C-alpha atoms as a PDB file:
ATOM      1  CA  MET A   1     142.809 176.486  80.761  1.00  0.00           C
ATOM      2  CA  PRO A   2     143.779 175.661  84.145  1.00  0.00           C
ATOM      3  CA  ARG A   3     141.858 177.521  87.290  1.00  0.00           C
ATOM      4  CA  ILE A   4     144.421 178.935  89.272  1.00  0.00           C
ATOM      5  CA  TYR A   5     143.460 179.979  92.681  1.00  0.00           C
ATOM      6  CA  ALA A   6     145.304 182.897  93.512  1.00  0.00           C
ATOM      7  CA  THR A   7     147.566 185.218  92.700  1.00  0.00           C
ATOM      8  CA  PRO A   8     151.320 186.165  93.776  1.00  0.00           C
ATOM      9  CA  GLU A   9     150.363 189.213  95.401  1.00  0.00           C
ATOM     10  CA  GLN A  10     147.866 187.244  97.206  1.00  0.00           C
ATOM     11  CA  LEU A  11     150.492 184.224  98.188  1.00  0.00           C
ATOM     12  CA  ALA A  12     152.629 187.129  99.566  1.00  0.00           C
ATOM     13  CA  ALA A  13     150.235 188.347 101.573  1.00  0.00           C
ATOM     14  CA  TRP A  14     148.887 184.787 103.043  1.00  0.00           C
ATOM     15  CA  THR A  15     152.631 183.748 103.960  1.00  0.00           C
ATOM     16  CA  GLY A  16     153.789 187.669 104.797  1.00  0.00           C
ATOM     17  CA  GLU A  17     157.191 186.562 102.567  1.00  0.00           C
ATOM     18  CA  PRO A  18     157.553 188.198  98.972  1.00  0.00           C
ATOM     19  CA  ALA A  19     156.138 185.877  96.330  1.00  0.00           C
ATOM     20  CA  PRO A  20     158.827 183.283  94.925  1.00  0.00           C
ATOM     21  CA  ALA A  21     159.883 184.105  91.607  1.00  0.00           C
ATOM     22  CA  ASP A  22     157.978 180.997  90.238  1.00  0.00           C
ATOM     23  CA  ALA A  23     155.433 181.889  92.221  1.00  0.00           C
ATOM     24  CA  GLU A  24     152.592 181.699  89.149  1.00  0.00           C
ATOM     25  CA  ARG A  25     154.406 178.004  88.087  1.00  0.00           C
ATOM     26  CA  LEU A  26     154.149 177.364  92.049  1.00  0.00           C
ATOM     27  CA  LEU A  27     150.129 178.578  92.221  1.00  0.00           C
ATOM     28  CA  ALA A  28     149.088 177.002  89.017  1.00  0.00           C
ATOM     29  CA  ARG A  29     150.433 173.439  90.447  1.00  0.00           C
ATOM     30  CA  ALA A  30     149.130 173.987  93.941  1.00  0.00           C
ATOM     31  CA  SER A  31     145.288 175.103  92.587  1.00  0.00           C
ATOM     32  CA  ALA A  32     145.371 171.578  90.340  1.00  0.00           C
ATOM     33  CA  ASP A  33     146.475 170.084  93.762  1.00  0.00           C
ATOM     34  CA  VAL A  34     143.462 171.711  94.907  1.00  0.00           C
ATOM     35  CA  ASP A  35     141.046 170.585  91.945  1.00  0.00           C
ATOM     36  CA  SER A  36     142.446 167.072  92.722  1.00  0.00           C
ATOM     37  CA  ALA A  37     140.961 167.170  96.418  1.00  0.00           C
ATOM     38  CA  LEU A  38     137.866 168.487  95.248  1.00  0.00           C
ATOM     39  CA  LEU A  39     136.950 165.959  92.629  1.00  0.00           C
ATOM     40  CA  CYS A  40     133.651 165.040  94.171  1.00  0.00           C
ATOM     41  CA  ALA A  41     132.475 168.961  95.645  1.00  0.00           C
ATOM     42  CA  LEU A  42     129.767 170.622  94.171  1.00  0.00           C
ATOM     43  CA  TYR A  43     129.729 174.627  94.305  1.00  0.00           C
ATOM     44  CA  ASP A  44     128.353 177.541  92.172  1.00  0.00           C
ATOM     45  CA  THR A  45     130.928 178.092  89.045  1.00  0.00           C
ATOM     46  CA  ASN A  46     130.967 180.797  86.300  1.00  0.00           C
ATOM     47  CA  THR A  47     131.474 180.103  82.433  1.00  0.00           C
ATOM     48  CA  ALA A  48     135.120 179.078  82.921  1.00  0.00           C
ATOM     49  CA  GLY A  49     134.570 176.940  85.808  1.00  0.00           C
ATOM     50  CA  MET A  50     135.664 179.334  88.666  1.00  0.00           C
ATOM     51  CA  PRO A  51     133.730 179.385  91.681  1.00  0.00           C
ATOM     52  CA  THR A  52     131.226 182.701  92.287  1.00  0.00           C
ATOM     53  CA  ASP A  53     130.163 182.470  95.812  1.00  0.00           C
ATOM     54  CA  PRO A  54     132.874 184.688  97.442  1.00  0.00           C
ATOM     55  CA  ASP A  55     133.389 181.766 100.613  1.00  0.00           C
ATOM     56  CA  VAL A  56     134.311 179.217  98.030  1.00  0.00           C
ATOM     57  CA  VAL A  57     136.880 181.769  96.225  1.00  0.00           C
ATOM     58  CA  GLN A  58     138.156 182.609  99.336  1.00  0.00           C
ATOM     59  CA  ALA A  59     138.642 179.082 100.646  1.00  0.00           C
ATOM     60  CA  LEU A  60     139.949 178.059  97.707  1.00  0.00           C
ATOM     61  CA  THR A  61     142.644 181.217  97.118  1.00  0.00           C
ATOM     62  CA  ASP A  62     143.704 180.055 101.268  1.00  0.00           C
ATOM     63  CA  ALA A  63     144.222 176.470  99.836  1.00  0.00           C
ATOM     64  CA  ALA A  64     146.228 177.262  96.917  1.00  0.00           C
ATOM     65  CA  CYS A  65     148.405 179.434  98.926  1.00  0.00           C
ATOM     66  CA  ALA A  66     148.769 177.318 101.882  1.00  0.00           C
ATOM     67  CA  GLN A  67     149.479 174.532  99.205  1.00  0.00           C
ATOM     68  CA  VAL A  68     152.290 176.582  98.329  1.00  0.00           C
ATOM     69  CA  GLU A  69     153.437 177.520 101.664  1.00  0.00           C
ATOM     70  CA  TYR A  70     153.795 173.528 102.594  1.00  0.00           C
ATOM     71  CA  GLN A  71     155.568 172.834  99.357  1.00  0.00           C
ATOM     72  CA  VAL A  72     158.073 175.820  99.733  1.00  0.00           C
ATOM     73  CA  ALA A  73     158.489 174.670 103.661  1.00  0.00           C
ATOM     74  CA  THR A  74     159.528 171.306 102.386  1.00  0.00           C
ATOM     75  CA  GLY A  75     161.196 171.751  99.709  1.00  0.00           C
ATOM     76  CA  ASP A  76     159.022 170.148  97.453  1.00  0.00           C
ATOM     77  CA  ASP A  77     159.128 171.919  93.788  1.00  0.00           C
ATOM     78  CA  GLY A  78     155.395 170.489  93.269  1.00  0.00           C
ATOM     79  CA  THR A  79     156.323 167.262  91.301  1.00  0.00           C
ATOM     80  CA  GLY A  80     155.656 165.372  94.792  1.00  0.00           C
ATOM     81  CA  ALA A  81     158.789 163.820  94.492  1.00  0.00           C
ATOM     82  CA  SER A  82     160.548 165.061  97.642  1.00  0.00           C
ATOM     83  CA  THR A  83     158.287 163.066  99.553  1.00  0.00           C
ATOM     84  CA  ARG A  84     159.542 159.676  97.783  1.00  0.00           C
ATOM     85  CA  TRP A  85     162.900 160.379  98.395  1.00  0.00           C
ATOM     86  CA  GLY A  86     165.327 161.133 101.219  1.00  0.00           C
ATOM     87  CA  ASN A  87     169.091 161.139 101.723  1.00  0.00           C
ATOM     88  CA  VAL A  88     171.241 160.400 104.536  1.00  0.00           C
ATOM     89  CA  ALA A  89     175.088 161.237 104.401  1.00  0.00           C
ATOM     90  CA  ILE A  90     177.918 159.579 106.955  1.00  0.00           C
ATOM     91  CA  GLY A  91     181.068 161.157 106.304  1.00  0.00           C
ATOM     92  CA  PRO A  92     181.986 160.017 102.446  1.00  0.00           C
ATOM     93  CA  VAL A  93     178.662 157.555 102.780  1.00  0.00           C
ATOM     94  CA  THR A  94     175.233 158.595 101.077  1.00  0.00           C
ATOM     95  CA  LEU A  95     172.471 156.638 101.346  1.00  0.00           C
ATOM     96  CA  GLY A  96     168.543 157.270  99.681  1.00  0.00           C
ATOM     97  CA  ASP A  97     165.655 155.719 101.503  1.00  0.00           C
ATOM     98  CA  ARG A  98     162.010 155.465 100.177  1.00  0.00           C
ATOM     99  CA  ARG A  99     159.401 157.736 102.107  1.00  0.00           C
ATOM    100  CA  ASN A 100     156.448 157.509 103.130  1.00  0.00           C
ATOM    101  CA  GLY A 101     154.317 160.036 100.194  1.00  0.00           C
ATOM    102  CA  PRO A 102     150.835 160.079  98.676  1.00  0.00           C
ATOM    103  CA  ARG A 103     149.546 156.514  98.673  1.00  0.00           C
ATOM    104  CA  ALA A 104     148.992 156.384  95.283  1.00  0.00           C
ATOM    105  CA  PRO A 105     150.171 158.489  92.106  1.00  0.00           C
ATOM    106  CA  GLY A 106     146.315 160.148  91.926  1.00  0.00           C
ATOM    107  CA  ASP A 107     146.783 161.193  95.349  1.00  0.00           C
ATOM    108  CA  VAL A 108     147.534 164.363  96.586  1.00  0.00           C
ATOM    109  CA  ASP A 109     149.918 165.298  99.508  1.00  0.00           C
ATOM    110  CA  LEU A 110     147.696 167.796 100.514  1.00  0.00           C
ATOM    111  CA  ALA A 111     148.871 170.995 103.288  1.00  0.00           C
ATOM    112  CA  PRO A 112     147.132 170.727 106.468  1.00  0.00           C
ATOM    113  CA  ARG A 113     146.339 174.303 106.150  1.00  0.00           C
ATOM    114  CA  ALA A 114     144.783 173.311 102.965  1.00  0.00           C
ATOM    115  CA  HIS A 115     142.652 170.498 103.469  1.00  0.00           C
ATOM    116  CA  ARG A 116     141.723 172.840 106.909  1.00  0.00           C
ATOM    117  CA  ALA A 117     140.731 175.702 104.390  1.00  0.00           C
ATOM    118  CA  LEU A 118     138.615 173.560 102.534  1.00  0.00           C
ATOM    119  CA  MET A 119     137.392 171.810 105.443  1.00  0.00           C
ATOM    120  CA  LEU A 120     135.859 174.292 107.230  1.00  0.00           C
ATOM    121  CA  ALA A 121     134.446 175.543 103.782  1.00  0.00           C
ATOM    122  CA  GLY A 122     132.653 172.219 103.373  1.00  0.00           C
ATOM    123  CA  LEU A 123     134.248 171.584  99.943  1.00  0.00           C
ATOM    124  CA  LEU A 124     135.764 168.219 100.713  1.00  0.00           C
ATOM    125  CA  PRO A 125     134.101 165.073  99.668  1.00  0.00           C
ATOM    126  CA  GLY A 126     131.577 163.548 102.091  1.00  0.00           C
ATOM    127  CA  VAL A 127     130.838 167.133 103.186  1.00  0.00           C
ATOM    128  CA  ILE A 128     126.633 167.399 102.858  1.00  0.00           C
ATOM    129  CA  TRP A 129     124.863 170.401 103.106  1.00  0.00           C
END
């Protein structure tokens, strides 16, 4: 069962806007992105794999909400496709170009605010306590 770190209500509080209709799907994808960024992170969890430390819980909630906020702002639906291609139209001519997205299929385009929340909580790989 996937771990989902935030609720639509928490997302609405984070953004100051009503949660989108597909908030649960977006939060599930954002939580998976956060998990990908934390592959080597160590923190206490319960039997369901959810964090138990309140500071870690808050950091993961903030990161998931920031990731959804970022994806909505950039027009990404959580698939990563929007970072791969762009379009330019001049009159009746439309051209497509390849954009710089994540460098490899496993890389995650993590929102700057999500990165900051994880970094400040000491959860990103390379942080030693």
